[in-house]
Amino acid sequence: MIKDREYMFASSFLKASDGAGTPAERLARFSEAADPAALRSAVREVYRLASKGGDTADVYHAALCEAVDNIKSAVPDFSVFCPLLYKYDCTNIKTALKCVLRGESSEGLLLFCGTVSPEKIVAGAESSSFEGLPPHMNKAAGEALAQYRKTGEVRCIDLILDSACFADMREDADRGGVELICKTVTLRADGVNLMTSQRLASQKLPAEVAASLMKRAFVPGGDIPLSAFLAADGGCADADTVAAKVPAGSASASAVRLAAKQKSFSEAEKVIDEAVLSLANGYRFKPFGPEVAVRYLLIREAEMTNCRIIEAGMKGGRADEMRGRLRRAYV
């Protein structure tokens, strides 16, 4: 059982290592940037990144990597936090596999904030040997490669690995025993499944095709069973039907019901993201414990998501529209 007192140093260190100003002040500064160059400069200054990330959007990645490195250097057992980072490993595995299959280099395409080094993942993809990856993704990487060679379907790589990623997240979150991490995994899994079912429903596919894809794309780890996403007469259930089947007392209940009412996928995704941040903010005034590190990471991820949204609005001439997509639940 994790003891909060084991995290006294880590909690103090991470609070001291946070960016300059409060989260609200940082968001205001990022939102007021005149152009992408000014925004990137603000990120470097706020997180004291010096020249990391250069004058490109890589500065957002550098800020996230710095947060992960700080956690890794401070906490007594980094494995407890790995479930929150498996999504980056999963992205890297998929990218590396696709690059190998196409005979292309993955240089510059991989993320450095996962639990397995990009070099090790690339070597695994090139040799078809995936030792060292989390167990479900280890097995799934080989299965995805074999399935692609059999069918030529690139999508199978994403479907197989996404499911394995959430299986690893669920098992290791439960093993670590940090309630906030467990609830975060639950919310994200249920959110992904809700988004998948609604996207499939919007495509007006034949019922049997939509149902088949939903079964393949469903990820484990949430509270909502696969059956809730399938319509009784075939195809995918509508959002209201899914929301009505969320188990009582689930960490996902209110978020999924609210997400189901949104008019766009981006608005629904924002609801799920902010629900996770709201969970973390419940520990805002906790002096020490593993939750301090979780909240530190979740806020940094949200801040970098917001920076990317702000920059996209600047480049697309839709700054006002994009501001409505900013995640604010941590402020």
C-alpha atoms as a PDB file:
ATOM      1  CA  MET A   1       0.000   0.000   0.000  1.00  0.00           C
ATOM      2  CA  ILE A   2       1.336   3.425  -0.955  1.00  0.00           C
ATOM      3  CA  LYS A   3       2.038   5.722   1.986  1.00  0.00           C
ATOM      4  CA  ASP A   4       1.581   9.436   1.398  1.00  0.00           C
ATOM      5  CA  ARG A   5       4.621  10.268   3.532  1.00  0.00           C
ATOM      6  CA  GLU A   6       6.842   8.471   1.030  1.00  0.00           C
ATOM      7  CA  TYR A   7       5.978  11.294  -1.358  1.00  0.00           C
ATOM      8  CA  MET A   8       6.933  14.238   0.846  1.00  0.00           C
ATOM      9  CA  PHE A   9      10.105  15.034  -1.120  1.00  0.00           C
ATOM     10  CA  ALA A  10       8.549  14.303  -4.529  1.00  0.00           C
ATOM     11  CA  SER A  11       5.528  16.486  -3.805  1.00  0.00           C
ATOM     12  CA  SER A  12       7.650  19.415  -2.648  1.00  0.00           C
ATOM     13  CA  PHE A  13      10.020  19.039  -5.601  1.00  0.00           C
ATOM     14  CA  LEU A  14       7.242  18.891  -8.200  1.00  0.00           C
ATOM     15  CA  LYS A  15       5.452  21.891  -6.762  1.00  0.00           C
ATOM     16  CA  ALA A  16       8.718  23.828  -6.883  1.00  0.00           C
ATOM     17  CA  SER A  17       9.372  22.593 -10.441  1.00  0.00           C
ATOM     18  CA  ASP A  18       6.030  23.763 -11.802  1.00  0.00           C
ATOM     19  CA  GLY A  19       5.868  26.612 -14.295  1.00  0.00           C
ATOM     20  CA  ALA A  20       6.035  30.247 -13.277  1.00  0.00           C
ATOM     21  CA  GLY A  21       2.738  31.626 -11.989  1.00  0.00           C
ATOM     22  CA  THR A  22      -0.519  29.855 -11.299  1.00  0.00           C
ATOM     23  CA  PRO A  23      -2.241  27.662 -13.914  1.00  0.00           C
ATOM     24  CA  ALA A  24      -4.740  30.486 -14.496  1.00  0.00           C
ATOM     25  CA  GLU A  25      -1.955  33.016 -15.016  1.00  0.00           C
ATOM     26  CA  ARG A  26      -0.137  30.702 -17.417  1.00  0.00           C
ATOM     27  CA  LEU A  27      -3.281  30.104 -19.470  1.00  0.00           C
ATOM     28  CA  ALA A  28      -3.894  33.857 -19.655  1.00  0.00           C
ATOM     29  CA  ARG A  29      -0.345  34.447 -20.830  1.00  0.00           C
ATOM     30  CA  PHE A  30      -0.561  31.759 -23.501  1.00  0.00           C
ATOM     31  CA  SER A  31      -3.951  33.019 -24.684  1.00  0.00           C
ATOM     32  CA  GLU A  32      -2.651  36.575 -25.028  1.00  0.00           C
ATOM     33  CA  ALA A  33       0.344  35.627 -27.202  1.00  0.00           C
ATOM     34  CA  ALA A  34       0.393  37.630 -30.438  1.00  0.00           C
ATOM     35  CA  ASP A  35       1.562  34.837 -32.731  1.00  0.00           C
ATOM     36  CA  PRO A  36       3.003  31.284 -32.661  1.00  0.00           C
ATOM     37  CA  ALA A  37       6.560  32.523 -32.083  1.00  0.00           C
ATOM     38  CA  ALA A  38       5.453  34.556 -29.056  1.00  0.00           C
ATOM     39  CA  LEU A  39       3.473  31.603 -27.722  1.00  0.00           C
ATOM     40  CA  ARG A  40       6.441  29.255 -28.006  1.00  0.00           C
ATOM     41  CA  SER A  41       8.689  31.819 -26.362  1.00  0.00           C
ATOM     42  CA  ALA A  42       6.220  32.112 -23.487  1.00  0.00           C
ATOM     43  CA  VAL A  43       6.241  28.335 -23.020  1.00  0.00           C
ATOM     44  CA  ARG A  44      10.043  28.260 -22.866  1.00  0.00           C
ATOM     45  CA  GLU A  45      10.081  31.069 -20.315  1.00  0.00           C
ATOM     46  CA  VAL A  46       7.256  29.736 -18.153  1.00  0.00           C
ATOM     47  CA  TYR A  47       8.811  26.276 -17.814  1.00  0.00           C
ATOM     48  CA  ARG A  48      12.424  27.481 -17.895  1.00  0.00           C
ATOM     49  CA  LEU A  49      13.232  25.328 -20.910  1.00  0.00           C
ATOM     50  CA  ALA A  50      16.055  27.519 -22.234  1.00  0.00           C
ATOM     51  CA  SER A  51      16.493  26.538 -25.897  1.00  0.00           C
ATOM     52  CA  LYS A  52      14.714  23.178 -25.719  1.00  0.00           C
ATOM     53  CA  GLY A  53      12.275  22.723 -28.573  1.00  0.00           C
ATOM     54  CA  GLY A  54      13.878  25.535 -30.552  1.00  0.00           C
ATOM     55  CA  ASP A  55      11.439  27.867 -32.249  1.00  0.00           C
ATOM     56  CA  THR A  56       9.085  25.099 -33.340  1.00  0.00           C
ATOM     57  CA  ALA A  57       6.085  23.339 -31.886  1.00  0.00           C
ATOM     58  CA  ASP A  58       8.558  20.791 -30.443  1.00  0.00           C
ATOM     59  CA  VAL A  59       8.736  23.142 -27.458  1.00  0.00           C
ATOM     60  CA  TYR A  60       5.367  21.754 -26.356  1.00  0.00           C
ATOM     61  CA  HIS A  61       6.777  18.243 -26.483  1.00  0.00           C
ATOM     62  CA  ALA A  62       9.873  19.437 -24.595  1.00  0.00           C
ATOM     63  CA  ALA A  63       7.679  20.884 -21.833  1.00  0.00           C
ATOM     64  CA  LEU A  64       5.836  17.593 -21.465  1.00  0.00           C
ATOM     65  CA  CYS A  65       9.048  15.553 -21.460  1.00  0.00           C
ATOM     66  CA  GLU A  66      10.453  17.818 -18.764  1.00  0.00           C
ATOM     67  CA  ALA A  67       7.429  17.115 -16.554  1.00  0.00           C
ATOM     68  CA  VAL A  68       7.810  13.358 -17.040  1.00  0.00           C
ATOM     69  CA  ASP A  69      11.537  13.553 -16.277  1.00  0.00           C
ATOM     70  CA  ASN A  70      10.824  15.510 -13.097  1.00  0.00           C
ATOM     71  CA  ILE A  71       8.370  12.873 -11.901  1.00  0.00           C
ATOM     72  CA  LYS A  72      10.768  10.069 -12.788  1.00  0.00           C
ATOM     73  CA  SER A  73      13.580  11.684 -10.818  1.00  0.00           C
ATOM     74  CA  ALA A  74      11.517  12.421  -7.715  1.00  0.00           C
ATOM     75  CA  VAL A  75       8.966   9.687  -6.975  1.00  0.00           C
ATOM     76  CA  PRO A  76       9.916   6.556  -5.018  1.00  0.00           C
ATOM     77  CA  ASP A  77       8.343   4.181  -7.573  1.00  0.00           C
ATOM     78  CA  PHE A  78       7.911   5.497 -11.108  1.00  0.00           C
ATOM     79  CA  SER A  79       6.084   2.335 -12.253  1.00  0.00           C
ATOM     80  CA  VAL A  80       3.009   3.536 -10.358  1.00  0.00           C
ATOM     81  CA  PHE A  81       2.617   6.362 -12.885  1.00  0.00           C
ATOM     82  CA  CYS A  82       3.345   4.358 -16.025  1.00  0.00           C
ATOM     83  CA  PRO A  83      -0.336   3.764 -16.892  1.00  0.00           C
ATOM     84  CA  LEU A  84      -0.685   7.492 -17.588  1.00  0.00           C
ATOM     85  CA  LEU A  85       2.195   7.333 -20.092  1.00  0.00           C
ATOM     86  CA  TYR A  86       1.393   4.123 -21.952  1.00  0.00           C
ATOM     87  CA  LYS A  87      -0.552   6.114 -24.545  1.00  0.00           C
ATOM     88  CA  TYR A  88       2.745   7.626 -25.710  1.00  0.00           C
ATOM     89  CA  ASP A  89       4.343   4.185 -25.967  1.00  0.00           C
ATOM     90  CA  CYS A  90       1.339   3.012 -27.968  1.00  0.00           C
ATOM     91  CA  THR A  91       1.615   5.932 -30.386  1.00  0.00           C
ATOM     92  CA  ASN A  92       5.321   5.244 -30.849  1.00  0.00           C
ATOM     93  CA  ILE A  93       4.791   1.537 -31.500  1.00  0.00           C
ATOM     94  CA  LYS A  94       2.162   2.250 -34.144  1.00  0.00           C
ATOM     95  CA  THR A  95       4.338   4.863 -35.816  1.00  0.00           C
ATOM     96  CA  ALA A  96       7.437   2.662 -35.776  1.00  0.00           C
ATOM     97  CA  LEU A  97       5.577  -0.326 -37.214  1.00  0.00           C
ATOM     98  CA  LYS A  98       4.034   1.692 -40.012  1.00  0.00           C
ATOM     99  CA  CYS A  99       7.373   3.263 -40.898  1.00  0.00           C
ATOM    100  CA  VAL A 100       9.065  -0.144 -41.057  1.00  0.00           C
ATOM    101  CA  LEU A 101       6.292  -1.540 -43.238  1.00  0.00           C
ATOM    102  CA  ARG A 102       6.592   1.431 -45.608  1.00  0.00           C
ATOM    103  CA  GLY A 103      10.380   1.362 -45.609  1.00  0.00           C
ATOM    104  CA  GLU A 104      10.505   4.865 -44.151  1.00  0.00           C
ATOM    105  CA  SER A 105      12.481   6.414 -41.317  1.00  0.00           C
ATOM    106  CA  SER A 106      10.652   7.265 -38.087  1.00  0.00           C
ATOM    107  CA  GLU A 107      13.226   9.906 -37.166  1.00  0.00           C
ATOM    108  CA  GLY A 108      11.535  13.024 -35.821  1.00  0.00           C
ATOM    109  CA  LEU A 109       8.156  11.285 -35.524  1.00  0.00           C
ATOM    110  CA  LEU A 110       8.433   9.610 -32.124  1.00  0.00           C
ATOM    111  CA  LEU A 111       7.650  10.887 -28.643  1.00  0.00           C
ATOM    112  CA  PHE A 112      10.133  10.869 -25.771  1.00  0.00           C
ATOM    113  CA  CYS A 113       7.677  10.978 -22.867  1.00  0.00           C
ATOM    114  CA  GLY A 114       6.662   7.312 -22.734  1.00  0.00           C
ATOM    115  CA  THR A 115       7.985   4.499 -20.540  1.00  0.00           C
ATOM    116  CA  VAL A 116      10.065   2.811 -23.264  1.00  0.00           C
ATOM    117  CA  SER A 117      12.722   4.656 -25.244  1.00  0.00           C
ATOM    118  CA  PRO A 118      11.930   5.403 -28.901  1.00  0.00           C
ATOM    119  CA  GLU A 119      15.216   3.711 -29.874  1.00  0.00           C
ATOM    120  CA  LYS A 120      14.103   0.468 -28.238  1.00  0.00           C
ATOM    121  CA  ILE A 121      10.712   0.635 -29.915  1.00  0.00           C
ATOM    122  CA  VAL A 122      12.257   1.244 -33.349  1.00  0.00           C
ATOM    123  CA  ALA A 123      14.662  -1.659 -32.816  1.00  0.00           C
ATOM    124  CA  GLY A 124      11.725  -3.869 -31.852  1.00  0.00           C
ATOM    125  CA  ALA A 125       9.756  -2.885 -34.933  1.00  0.00           C
ATOM    126  CA  GLU A 126      12.732  -3.550 -37.196  1.00  0.00           C
ATOM    127  CA  SER A 127      13.466  -6.953 -35.647  1.00  0.00           C
ATOM    128  CA  SER A 128       9.836  -7.960 -34.949  1.00  0.00           C
ATOM    129  CA  SER A 129      10.895  -8.598 -31.353  1.00  0.00           C
ATOM    130  CA  PHE A 130       9.088  -6.494 -28.792  1.00  0.00           C
ATOM    131  CA  GLU A 131      10.566  -7.517 -25.447  1.00  0.00           C
ATOM    132  CA  GLY A 132      10.550  -4.750 -22.878  1.00  0.00           C
ATOM    133  CA  LEU A 133       7.173  -3.328 -23.796  1.00  0.00           C
ATOM    134  CA  PRO A 134       4.246  -3.541 -21.367  1.00  0.00           C
ATOM    135  CA  PRO A 135       2.918  -7.135 -21.663  1.00  0.00           C
ATOM    136  CA  HIS A 136      -0.303  -6.576 -23.592  1.00  0.00           C
ATOM    137  CA  MET A 137       1.316  -4.175 -26.048  1.00  0.00           C
ATOM    138  CA  ASN A 138       4.276  -6.565 -26.350  1.00  0.00           C
ATOM    139  CA  LYS A 139       1.987  -9.342 -27.523  1.00  0.00           C
ATOM    140  CA  ALA A 140      -0.227  -7.026 -29.570  1.00  0.00           C
ATOM    141  CA  ALA A 141       2.657  -5.547 -31.557  1.00  0.00           C
ATOM    142  CA  GLY A 142       3.502  -8.963 -32.963  1.00  0.00           C
ATOM    143  CA  GLU A 143      -0.158  -9.731 -33.592  1.00  0.00           C
ATOM    144  CA  ALA A 144      -0.684  -6.425 -35.386  1.00  0.00           C
ATOM    145  CA  LEU A 145       2.301  -7.035 -37.622  1.00  0.00           C
ATOM    146  CA  ALA A 146       1.128 -10.545 -38.475  1.00  0.00           C
ATOM    147  CA  GLN A 147      -2.435  -9.353 -39.103  1.00  0.00           C
ATOM    148  CA  TYR A 148      -1.253  -6.577 -41.401  1.00  0.00           C
ATOM    149  CA  ARG A 149       0.893  -8.962 -43.427  1.00  0.00           C
ATOM    150  CA  LYS A 150      -2.083 -11.256 -43.767  1.00  0.00           C
ATOM    151  CA  THR A 151      -4.738  -8.666 -44.665  1.00  0.00           C
ATOM    152  CA  GLY A 152      -2.893  -5.516 -45.758  1.00  0.00           C
ATOM    153  CA  GLU A 153      -5.220  -3.505 -43.490  1.00  0.00           C
ATOM    154  CA  VAL A 154      -3.303  -0.656 -41.840  1.00  0.00           C
ATOM    155  CA  ARG A 155      -6.209   0.048 -39.494  1.00  0.00           C
ATOM    156  CA  CYS A 156      -5.705  -3.285 -37.741  1.00  0.00           C
ATOM    157  CA  ILE A 157      -2.430  -1.975 -36.273  1.00  0.00           C
ATOM    158  CA  ASP A 158      -4.250   0.872 -34.534  1.00  0.00           C
ATOM    159  CA  LEU A 159      -7.174  -1.249 -33.354  1.00  0.00           C
ATOM    160  CA  ILE A 160      -5.091  -4.079 -31.917  1.00  0.00           C
ATOM    161  CA  LEU A 161      -2.588  -1.815 -30.176  1.00  0.00           C
ATOM    162  CA  ASP A 162      -5.155   0.620 -28.754  1.00  0.00           C
ATOM    163  CA  SER A 163      -6.993  -2.256 -27.095  1.00  0.00           C
ATOM    164  CA  ALA A 164      -3.751  -3.652 -25.686  1.00  0.00           C
ATOM    165  CA  CYS A 165      -2.683  -0.233 -24.421  1.00  0.00           C
ATOM    166  CA  PHE A 166      -5.843   0.169 -22.353  1.00  0.00           C
ATOM    167  CA  ALA A 167      -5.495  -3.387 -21.041  1.00  0.00           C
ATOM    168  CA  ASP A 168      -2.005  -2.522 -19.781  1.00  0.00           C
ATOM    169  CA  MET A 169      -3.296   0.759 -18.339  1.00  0.00           C
ATOM    170  CA  ARG A 170      -6.096  -0.984 -16.459  1.00  0.00           C
ATOM    171  CA  GLU A 171      -3.962  -3.777 -15.012  1.00  0.00           C
ATOM    172  CA  ASP A 172      -1.105  -1.552 -13.909  1.00  0.00           C
ATOM    173  CA  ALA A 173      -3.391   1.162 -12.543  1.00  0.00           C
ATOM    174  CA  ASP A 174      -5.156  -1.435 -10.401  1.00  0.00           C
ATOM    175  CA  ARG A 175      -1.819  -2.875  -9.326  1.00  0.00           C
ATOM    176  CA  GLY A 176      -0.482   0.558  -8.359  1.00  0.00           C
ATOM    177  CA  GLY A 177      -3.526   1.262  -6.225  1.00  0.00           C
ATOM    178  CA  VAL A 178      -3.717   5.049  -6.698  1.00  0.00           C
ATOM    179  CA  GLU A 179      -7.431   5.810  -6.910  1.00  0.00           C
ATOM    180  CA  LEU A 180      -6.941   8.930  -9.028  1.00  0.00           C
ATOM    181  CA  ILE A 181      -5.000   6.963 -11.658  1.00  0.00           C
ATOM    182  CA  CYS A 182      -7.620   4.195 -11.639  1.00  0.00           C
ATOM    183  CA  LYS A 183     -10.456   6.672 -12.166  1.00  0.00           C
ATOM    184  CA  THR A 184      -8.504   8.474 -14.887  1.00  0.00           C
ATOM    185  CA  VAL A 185      -8.066   5.218 -16.808  1.00  0.00           C
ATOM    186  CA  THR A 186     -11.764   4.430 -16.399  1.00  0.00           C
ATOM    187  CA  LEU A 187     -12.841   7.836 -17.661  1.00  0.00           C
ATOM    188  CA  ARG A 188     -10.502   7.770 -20.632  1.00  0.00           C
ATOM    189  CA  ALA A 189     -11.515   4.265 -21.681  1.00  0.00           C
ATOM    190  CA  ASP A 190     -15.228   5.044 -21.483  1.00  0.00           C
ATOM    191  CA  GLY A 191     -14.627   8.342 -23.281  1.00  0.00           C
ATOM    192  CA  VAL A 192     -12.734   6.676 -26.123  1.00  0.00           C
ATOM    193  CA  ASN A 193     -15.476   4.082 -26.553  1.00  0.00           C
ATOM    194  CA  LEU A 194     -18.189   6.750 -26.554  1.00  0.00           C
ATOM    195  CA  MET A 195     -16.336   8.779 -29.208  1.00  0.00           C
ATOM    196  CA  THR A 196     -15.764   5.672 -31.329  1.00  0.00           C
ATOM    197  CA  SER A 197     -19.400   4.613 -31.233  1.00  0.00           C
ATOM    198  CA  GLN A 198     -20.649   8.078 -32.122  1.00  0.00           C
ATOM    199  CA  ARG A 199     -18.175   8.524 -34.972  1.00  0.00           C
ATOM    200  CA  LEU A 200     -19.220   5.186 -36.415  1.00  0.00           C
ATOM    201  CA  ALA A 201     -22.880   6.092 -36.021  1.00  0.00           C
ATOM    202  CA  SER A 202     -22.320   9.394 -37.850  1.00  0.00           C
ATOM    203  CA  GLN A 203     -20.817   7.627 -40.865  1.00  0.00           C
ATOM    204  CA  LYS A 204     -24.136   5.968 -41.744  1.00  0.00           C
ATOM    205  CA  LEU A 205     -22.480   2.610 -42.312  1.00  0.00           C
ATOM    206  CA  PRO A 206     -24.521  -0.566 -42.794  1.00  0.00           C
ATOM    207  CA  ALA A 207     -25.572  -1.796 -39.359  1.00  0.00           C
ATOM    208  CA  GLU A 208     -23.528  -4.982 -39.483  1.00  0.00           C
ATOM    209  CA  VAL A 209     -20.403  -3.086 -40.583  1.00  0.00           C
ATOM    210  CA  ALA A 210     -20.754  -0.484 -37.819  1.00  0.00           C
ATOM    211  CA  ALA A 211     -21.312  -3.168 -35.176  1.00  0.00           C
ATOM    212  CA  SER A 212     -18.311  -5.173 -36.390  1.00  0.00           C
ATOM    213  CA  LEU A 213     -16.034  -2.127 -36.293  1.00  0.00           C
ATOM    214  CA  MET A 214     -17.266  -1.176 -32.829  1.00  0.00           C
ATOM    215  CA  LYS A 215     -16.445  -4.639 -31.528  1.00  0.00           C
ATOM    216  CA  ARG A 216     -12.936  -4.385 -32.987  1.00  0.00           C
ATOM    217  CA  ALA A 217     -12.345  -0.821 -31.786  1.00  0.00           C
ATOM    218  CA  PHE A 218     -13.723  -1.266 -28.252  1.00  0.00           C
ATOM    219  CA  VAL A 219     -11.051  -0.766 -25.595  1.00  0.00           C
ATOM    220  CA  PRO A 220     -11.096  -2.391 -22.155  1.00  0.00           C
ATOM    221  CA  GLY A 221     -10.575  -0.587 -18.889  1.00  0.00           C
ATOM    222  CA  GLY A 222     -13.814   1.345 -18.523  1.00  0.00           C
ATOM    223  CA  ASP A 223     -17.042   0.771 -16.635  1.00  0.00           C
ATOM    224  CA  ILE A 224     -19.342   0.723 -19.668  1.00  0.00           C
ATOM    225  CA  PRO A 225     -19.615  -2.721 -21.330  1.00  0.00           C
ATOM    226  CA  LEU A 226     -19.403  -3.247 -25.081  1.00  0.00           C
ATOM    227  CA  SER A 227     -23.085  -4.193 -25.179  1.00  0.00           C
ATOM    228  CA  ALA A 228     -24.042  -0.622 -24.192  1.00  0.00           C
ATOM    229  CA  PHE A 229     -22.507   0.722 -27.404  1.00  0.00           C
ATOM    230  CA  LEU A 230     -24.383  -1.665 -29.701  1.00  0.00           C
ATOM    231  CA  ALA A 231     -27.950  -1.023 -30.839  1.00  0.00           C
ATOM    232  CA  ALA A 232     -30.500  -3.767 -30.310  1.00  0.00           C
ATOM    233  CA  ASP A 233     -31.315  -3.860 -34.022  1.00  0.00           C
ATOM    234  CA  GLY A 234     -27.664  -3.717 -35.142  1.00  0.00           C
ATOM    235  CA  GLY A 235     -25.183  -0.884 -35.561  1.00  0.00           C
ATOM    236  CA  CYS A 236     -24.071   1.489 -32.821  1.00  0.00           C
ATOM    237  CA  ALA A 237     -26.350   2.789 -30.083  1.00  0.00           C
ATOM    238  CA  ASP A 238     -27.094   6.505 -29.996  1.00  0.00           C
ATOM    239  CA  ALA A 239     -25.419   8.667 -27.377  1.00  0.00           C
ATOM    240  CA  ASP A 240     -28.486   8.914 -25.135  1.00  0.00           C
ATOM    241  CA  THR A 241     -28.845   5.135 -25.047  1.00  0.00           C
ATOM    242  CA  VAL A 242     -25.190   4.731 -24.116  1.00  0.00           C
ATOM    243  CA  ALA A 243     -25.455   7.383 -21.406  1.00  0.00           C
ATOM    244  CA  ALA A 244     -28.472   5.642 -19.904  1.00  0.00           C
ATOM    245  CA  LYS A 245     -26.480   2.435 -19.493  1.00  0.00           C
ATOM    246  CA  VAL A 246     -23.584   3.880 -17.509  1.00  0.00           C
ATOM    247  CA  PRO A 247     -23.382   1.897 -14.239  1.00  0.00           C
ATOM    248  CA  ALA A 248     -24.532   3.818 -11.193  1.00  0.00           C
ATOM    249  CA  GLY A 249     -21.647   5.169  -9.153  1.00  0.00           C
ATOM    250  CA  SER A 250     -19.169   4.951 -12.028  1.00  0.00           C
ATOM    251  CA  ALA A 251     -16.405   7.554 -12.202  1.00  0.00           C
ATOM    252  CA  SER A 252     -17.565   8.080 -15.783  1.00  0.00           C
ATOM    253  CA  ALA A 253     -21.255   8.583 -15.118  1.00  0.00           C
ATOM    254  CA  SER A 254     -21.674  12.358 -15.148  1.00  0.00           C
ATOM    255  CA  ALA A 255     -18.955  12.968 -17.756  1.00  0.00           C
ATOM    256  CA  VAL A 256     -20.327  10.444 -20.258  1.00  0.00           C
ATOM    257  CA  ARG A 257     -23.867  11.753 -19.839  1.00  0.00           C
ATOM    258  CA  LEU A 258     -22.690  15.325 -20.400  1.00  0.00           C
ATOM    259  CA  ALA A 259     -20.456  14.340 -23.337  1.00  0.00           C
ATOM    260  CA  ALA A 260     -23.382  12.541 -24.948  1.00  0.00           C
ATOM    261  CA  LYS A 261     -25.315  15.833 -25.079  1.00  0.00           C
ATOM    262  CA  GLN A 262     -22.632  17.758 -26.976  1.00  0.00           C
ATOM    263  CA  LYS A 263     -23.153  18.823 -30.581  1.00  0.00           C
ATOM    264  CA  SER A 264     -19.643  17.983 -31.817  1.00  0.00           C
ATOM    265  CA  PHE A 265     -16.944  15.420 -31.170  1.00  0.00           C
ATOM    266  CA  SER A 266     -14.472  18.110 -30.134  1.00  0.00           C
ATOM    267  CA  GLU A 267     -16.900  19.383 -27.482  1.00  0.00           C
ATOM    268  CA  ALA A 268     -17.485  15.833 -26.216  1.00  0.00           C
ATOM    269  CA  GLU A 269     -13.742  15.172 -26.024  1.00  0.00           C
ATOM    270  CA  LYS A 270     -13.312  18.382 -24.056  1.00  0.00           C
ATOM    271  CA  VAL A 271     -15.932  17.197 -21.556  1.00  0.00           C
ATOM    272  CA  ILE A 272     -14.028  13.955 -20.947  1.00  0.00           C
ATOM    273  CA  ASP A 273     -10.685  15.757 -20.633  1.00  0.00           C
ATOM    274  CA  GLU A 274     -12.101  18.272 -18.186  1.00  0.00           C
ATOM    275  CA  ALA A 275     -13.708  15.508 -16.147  1.00  0.00           C
ATOM    276  CA  VAL A 276     -10.253  13.972 -15.669  1.00  0.00           C
ATOM    277  CA  LEU A 277      -8.841  17.360 -14.677  1.00  0.00           C
ATOM    278  CA  SER A 278     -11.696  17.920 -12.260  1.00  0.00           C
ATOM    279  CA  LEU A 279     -10.885  14.620 -10.562  1.00  0.00           C
ATOM    280  CA  ALA A 280      -7.291  15.748 -10.172  1.00  0.00           C
ATOM    281  CA  ASN A 281      -8.313  19.135  -8.840  1.00  0.00           C
ATOM    282  CA  GLY A 282      -9.988  17.377  -5.963  1.00  0.00           C
ATOM    283  CA  TYR A 283      -6.442  16.948  -4.641  1.00  0.00           C
ATOM    284  CA  ARG A 284      -5.444  20.557  -5.262  1.00  0.00           C
ATOM    285  CA  PHE A 285      -4.678  21.289  -1.626  1.00  0.00           C
ATOM    286  CA  LYS A 286      -3.239  17.903  -0.654  1.00  0.00           C
ATOM    287  CA  PRO A 287       0.278  18.625   0.666  1.00  0.00           C
ATOM    288  CA  PHE A 288       1.910  15.356  -0.367  1.00  0.00           C
ATOM    289  CA  GLY A 289       1.076  11.974  -1.847  1.00  0.00           C
ATOM    290  CA  PRO A 290       1.089  10.278  -5.277  1.00  0.00           C
ATOM    291  CA  GLU A 291      -1.887  12.378  -6.355  1.00  0.00           C
ATOM    292  CA  VAL A 292       0.318  15.490  -6.320  1.00  0.00           C
ATOM    293  CA  ALA A 293       2.473  13.928  -9.055  1.00  0.00           C
ATOM    294  CA  VAL A 294      -0.584  12.791 -11.030  1.00  0.00           C
ATOM    295  CA  ARG A 295      -2.106  16.245 -10.927  1.00  0.00           C
ATOM    296  CA  TYR A 296       1.221  17.808 -11.931  1.00  0.00           C
ATOM    297  CA  LEU A 297       1.367  15.589 -15.040  1.00  0.00           C
ATOM    298  CA  LEU A 298      -2.295  16.002 -15.993  1.00  0.00           C
ATOM    299  CA  ILE A 299      -2.057  19.791 -15.776  1.00  0.00           C
ATOM    300  CA  ARG A 300       1.097  19.886 -17.900  1.00  0.00           C
ATOM    301  CA  GLU A 301      -0.624  17.705 -20.513  1.00  0.00           C
ATOM    302  CA  ALA A 302      -3.666  19.990 -20.499  1.00  0.00           C
ATOM    303  CA  GLU A 303      -1.506  23.090 -20.802  1.00  0.00           C
ATOM    304  CA  MET A 304       0.327  21.693 -23.821  1.00  0.00           C
ATOM    305  CA  THR A 305      -2.981  20.647 -25.379  1.00  0.00           C
ATOM    306  CA  ASN A 306      -4.186  24.209 -24.879  1.00  0.00           C
ATOM    307  CA  CYS A 307      -1.040  25.645 -26.454  1.00  0.00           C
ATOM    308  CA  ARG A 308      -1.524  23.469 -29.530  1.00  0.00           C
ATOM    309  CA  ILE A 309      -5.178  24.550 -29.733  1.00  0.00           C
ATOM    310  CA  ILE A 310      -4.199  28.221 -29.427  1.00  0.00           C
ATOM    311  CA  GLU A 311      -1.525  27.880 -32.117  1.00  0.00           C
ATOM    312  CA  ALA A 312      -3.925  26.070 -34.450  1.00  0.00           C
ATOM    313  CA  GLY A 313      -6.387  28.934 -34.022  1.00  0.00           C
ATOM    314  CA  MET A 314      -3.682  31.478 -34.838  1.00  0.00           C
ATOM    315  CA  LYS A 315      -2.659  29.671 -37.994  1.00  0.00           C
ATOM    316  CA  GLY A 316      -6.197  29.005 -39.174  1.00  0.00           C
ATOM    317  CA  GLY A 317      -7.565  32.457 -38.448  1.00  0.00           C
ATOM    318  CA  ARG A 318     -10.035  30.937 -35.984  1.00  0.00           C
ATOM    319  CA  ALA A 319      -8.608  32.149 -32.691  1.00  0.00           C
ATOM    320  CA  ASP A 320     -11.984  33.002 -31.138  1.00  0.00           C
ATOM    321  CA  GLU A 321     -13.506  29.678 -32.141  1.00  0.00           C
ATOM    322  CA  MET A 322     -10.549  27.688 -30.836  1.00  0.00           C
ATOM    323  CA  ARG A 323     -10.609  29.435 -27.452  1.00  0.00           C
ATOM    324  CA  GLY A 324     -13.876  27.641 -26.784  1.00  0.00           C
ATOM    325  CA  ARG A 325     -11.997  24.341 -26.988  1.00  0.00           C
ATOM    326  CA  LEU A 326      -9.482  25.173 -24.274  1.00  0.00           C
ATOM    327  CA  ARG A 327      -9.419  22.881 -21.246  1.00  0.00           C
ATOM    328  CA  ARG A 328     -10.020  25.055 -18.192  1.00  0.00           C
ATOM    329  CA  ALA A 329     -11.024  22.653 -15.423  1.00  0.00           C
ATOM    330  CA  TYR A 330      -7.538  22.757 -13.857  1.00  0.00           C
ATOM    331  CA  VAL A 331      -7.447  26.569 -13.550  1.00  0.00           C
END
